[in-house]
Every structure is written in structure tokens, then in C-alpha cells.
Amino acid sequence: MSLNHSKGRLVGLSRELLRVWQDTQDSWRDAKAREFDSTYMQPMFDAVDHAAAAIEDLDKVLQRLRQDCET
């Protein structure tokens, strides 16, 4: 499994979870919902964004490494 495939899967699953979470928030609107969102959901979505960027950077490094090894 390539890094780009893994990144795409991670981002895709995160988007799906975000969609489901937004649907949940339509019916769960109390203080505990806001607390859950700020404590768990938003940090997780931020972490996914950071991980996707790191995977992209790592893929670039690995591509350069492969090119250097081939020459």
C-alpha cells in the first residue's frame, strides 16, 4: 500500500466521520456535545490534517531517495 493511498484513505475516512458527526450534532446540541466536540472531535480532525501533511512530506522524501538510489 503506497503512502498516497494511505493518505487518501485516512482523509476519506476522516471526511466520512466528519459528515456523520455533523449529522449527529443536528440532534445532540447540549453542553456535553460541545465538550465532546472540543475535547475529542476537533483535535482528532486537526491531527488527521497534520498527519496527511506529514505523509505527503514523507512521500516526497522517499521519492527523492528512490531517485538518488537509481542514479
N, C-alpha and C. Protein backbone atom coordinates (compact mmCIF):
# COMPACT_ATOMS: atom_id res chain seq x y z
N MET A 1 0.85 -1.17 0.00
CA MET A 1 0.00 0.00 0.00
C MET A 1 0.89 1.24 0.00
N SER A 2 0.67 2.11 -0.95
CA SER A 2 1.50 3.31 -1.07
C SER A 2 1.11 4.35 -0.03
N LEU A 3 2.01 5.28 0.17
CA LEU A 3 1.73 6.36 1.12
C LEU A 3 0.57 7.22 0.65
N ASN A 4 0.52 7.50 -0.65
CA ASN A 4 -0.58 8.32 -1.17
C ASN A 4 -1.92 7.62 -0.98
N HIS A 5 -1.93 6.31 -1.18
CA HIS A 5 -3.16 5.55 -0.96
C HIS A 5 -3.56 5.61 0.52
N SER A 6 -2.60 5.45 1.40
CA SER A 6 -2.88 5.52 2.83
C SER A 6 -3.38 6.90 3.24
N LYS A 7 -2.74 7.92 2.70
CA LYS A 7 -3.18 9.29 2.99
C LYS A 7 -4.60 9.51 2.49
N GLY A 8 -4.89 9.07 1.29
CA GLY A 8 -6.22 9.22 0.74
C GLY A 8 -7.27 8.50 1.56
N ARG A 9 -6.93 7.32 2.02
CA ARG A 9 -7.86 6.56 2.87
C ARG A 9 -8.08 7.26 4.19
N LEU A 10 -7.02 7.74 4.81
CA LEU A 10 -7.13 8.46 6.08
C LEU A 10 -8.01 9.70 5.92
N VAL A 11 -7.75 10.49 4.89
CA VAL A 11 -8.52 11.72 4.66
C VAL A 11 -9.97 11.38 4.33
N GLY A 12 -10.18 10.37 3.52
CA GLY A 12 -11.54 9.98 3.14
C GLY A 12 -12.36 9.51 4.33
N LEU A 13 -11.74 8.68 5.17
CA LEU A 13 -12.45 8.21 6.36
C LEU A 13 -12.71 9.35 7.34
N SER A 14 -11.78 10.28 7.42
CA SER A 14 -11.96 11.44 8.29
C SER A 14 -13.13 12.29 7.80
N ARG A 15 -13.22 12.48 6.50
CA ARG A 15 -14.34 13.25 5.93
C ARG A 15 -15.67 12.56 6.20
N GLU A 16 -15.69 11.24 6.06
CA GLU A 16 -16.91 10.49 6.34
C GLU A 16 -17.31 10.63 7.81
N LEU A 17 -16.33 10.52 8.69
CA LEU A 17 -16.61 10.69 10.12
C LEU A 17 -17.11 12.10 10.41
N LEU A 18 -16.52 13.09 9.77
CA LEU A 18 -16.97 14.46 9.96
C LEU A 18 -18.42 14.62 9.52
N ARG A 19 -18.77 14.01 8.40
CA ARG A 19 -20.15 14.08 7.93
C ARG A 19 -21.11 13.45 8.94
N VAL A 20 -20.75 12.28 9.45
CA VAL A 20 -21.60 11.61 10.44
C VAL A 20 -21.66 12.43 11.72
N TRP A 21 -20.54 13.01 12.12
CA TRP A 21 -20.52 13.83 13.32
C TRP A 21 -21.42 15.06 13.15
N GLN A 22 -21.38 15.68 11.99
CA GLN A 22 -22.24 16.83 11.74
C GLN A 22 -23.72 16.43 11.78
N ASP A 23 -24.03 15.26 11.24
CA ASP A 23 -25.41 14.75 11.34
C ASP A 23 -25.81 14.53 12.79
N THR A 24 -24.89 14.01 13.58
CA THR A 24 -25.15 13.78 14.99
C THR A 24 -25.41 15.10 15.71
N GLN A 25 -24.66 16.11 15.36
CA GLN A 25 -24.82 17.40 16.01
C GLN A 25 -26.17 18.05 15.71
N ASP A 26 -26.86 17.60 14.68
CA ASP A 26 -28.20 18.11 14.39
C ASP A 26 -29.18 17.76 15.51
N SER A 27 -28.91 16.63 16.18
CA SER A 27 -29.83 16.21 17.23
C SER A 27 -29.21 16.26 18.63
N TRP A 28 -27.90 16.39 18.72
CA TRP A 28 -27.23 16.44 20.02
C TRP A 28 -26.61 17.83 20.15
N ARG A 29 -27.29 18.71 20.86
CA ARG A 29 -26.88 20.12 20.88
C ARG A 29 -26.69 20.68 22.28
N ASP A 30 -26.36 19.86 23.24
CA ASP A 30 -26.20 20.38 24.59
C ASP A 30 -24.74 20.67 24.90
N ALA A 31 -24.50 21.04 26.15
CA ALA A 31 -23.14 21.38 26.57
C ALA A 31 -22.19 20.20 26.45
N LYS A 32 -22.69 19.00 26.73
CA LYS A 32 -21.84 17.80 26.62
C LYS A 32 -21.43 17.55 25.16
N ALA A 33 -22.32 17.85 24.24
CA ALA A 33 -21.97 17.70 22.81
C ALA A 33 -20.85 18.67 22.44
N ARG A 34 -20.97 19.90 22.90
CA ARG A 34 -19.91 20.89 22.62
C ARG A 34 -18.59 20.48 23.27
N GLU A 35 -18.69 19.96 24.50
CA GLU A 35 -17.49 19.50 25.20
C GLU A 35 -16.85 18.32 24.46
N PHE A 36 -17.67 17.37 24.03
CA PHE A 36 -17.16 16.22 23.28
C PHE A 36 -16.48 16.67 21.99
N ASP A 37 -17.12 17.62 21.32
CA ASP A 37 -16.56 18.14 20.07
C ASP A 37 -15.20 18.79 20.30
N SER A 38 -15.12 19.66 21.30
CA SER A 38 -13.86 20.38 21.52
C SER A 38 -12.78 19.50 22.14
N THR A 39 -13.18 18.50 22.92
CA THR A 39 -12.20 17.64 23.59
C THR A 39 -11.68 16.53 22.68
N TYR A 40 -12.57 15.96 21.87
CA TYR A 40 -12.20 14.78 21.10
C TYR A 40 -12.23 14.98 19.57
N MET A 41 -13.33 15.50 19.08
CA MET A 41 -13.50 15.51 17.63
C MET A 41 -12.59 16.51 16.93
N GLN A 42 -12.61 17.76 17.36
CA GLN A 42 -11.78 18.76 16.69
C GLN A 42 -10.29 18.45 16.78
N PRO A 43 -9.78 18.03 17.97
CA PRO A 43 -8.35 17.66 18.00
C PRO A 43 -8.03 16.48 17.06
N MET A 44 -8.96 15.54 16.94
CA MET A 44 -8.72 14.42 16.05
C MET A 44 -8.68 14.87 14.60
N PHE A 45 -9.62 15.73 14.20
CA PHE A 45 -9.61 16.22 12.82
C PHE A 45 -8.35 17.04 12.54
N ASP A 46 -7.90 17.83 13.52
CA ASP A 46 -6.65 18.57 13.37
C ASP A 46 -5.46 17.62 13.21
N ALA A 47 -5.46 16.55 14.01
CA ALA A 47 -4.38 15.57 13.94
C ALA A 47 -4.36 14.87 12.59
N VAL A 48 -5.53 14.59 12.04
CA VAL A 48 -5.60 13.97 10.72
C VAL A 48 -5.02 14.91 9.67
N ASP A 49 -5.35 16.19 9.76
CA ASP A 49 -4.79 17.16 8.81
C ASP A 49 -3.26 17.20 8.91
N HIS A 50 -2.74 17.21 10.13
CA HIS A 50 -1.28 17.22 10.32
C HIS A 50 -0.66 15.92 9.80
N ALA A 51 -1.31 14.80 10.06
CA ALA A 51 -0.78 13.51 9.61
C ALA A 51 -0.77 13.45 8.08
N ALA A 52 -1.81 13.95 7.45
CA ALA A 52 -1.86 13.94 5.99
C ALA A 52 -0.72 14.78 5.41
N ALA A 53 -0.46 15.93 6.01
CA ALA A 53 0.65 16.77 5.54
C ALA A 53 1.99 16.06 5.76
N ALA A 54 2.14 15.39 6.89
CA ALA A 54 3.39 14.67 7.17
C ALA A 54 3.57 13.51 6.21
N ILE A 55 2.50 12.81 5.89
CA ILE A 55 2.57 11.70 4.93
C ILE A 55 2.99 12.22 3.56
N GLU A 56 2.44 13.35 3.18
CA GLU A 56 2.81 13.96 1.90
C GLU A 56 4.30 14.33 1.88
N ASP A 57 4.78 14.93 2.96
CA ASP A 57 6.21 15.28 3.06
C ASP A 57 7.08 14.03 3.02
N LEU A 58 6.67 13.00 3.74
CA LEU A 58 7.43 11.75 3.76
C LEU A 58 7.46 11.11 2.38
N ASP A 59 6.37 11.17 1.66
CA ASP A 59 6.32 10.62 0.31
C ASP A 59 7.31 11.34 -0.60
N LYS A 60 7.40 12.66 -0.47
CA LYS A 60 8.35 13.43 -1.28
C LYS A 60 9.79 13.02 -0.96
N VAL A 61 10.08 12.83 0.31
CA VAL A 61 11.42 12.41 0.72
C VAL A 61 11.74 11.03 0.15
N LEU A 62 10.79 10.12 0.25
CA LEU A 62 11.01 8.78 -0.27
C LEU A 62 11.18 8.78 -1.78
N GLN A 63 10.45 9.63 -2.49
CA GLN A 63 10.62 9.74 -3.94
C GLN A 63 12.02 10.22 -4.28
N ARG A 64 12.49 11.24 -3.54
CA ARG A 64 13.86 11.74 -3.78
C ARG A 64 14.88 10.65 -3.48
N LEU A 65 14.67 9.90 -2.43
CA LEU A 65 15.58 8.82 -2.05
C LEU A 65 15.62 7.75 -3.14
N ARG A 66 14.48 7.40 -3.66
CA ARG A 66 14.43 6.40 -4.75
C ARG A 66 15.19 6.93 -5.98
N GLN A 67 14.97 8.20 -6.31
CA GLN A 67 15.65 8.78 -7.47
C GLN A 67 17.16 8.79 -7.25
N ASP A 68 17.58 9.14 -6.05
CA ASP A 68 19.02 9.17 -5.75
C ASP A 68 19.63 7.78 -5.82
N CYS A 69 18.90 6.77 -5.41
CA CYS A 69 19.42 5.40 -5.43
C CYS A 69 19.47 4.85 -6.84
N GLU A 70 18.61 5.35 -7.72
CA GLU A 70 18.59 4.86 -9.10
C GLU A 70 19.69 5.47 -9.95
N THR A 71 20.22 6.61 -9.54
CA THR A 71 21.24 7.28 -10.35
C THR A 71 22.61 6.98 -9.84
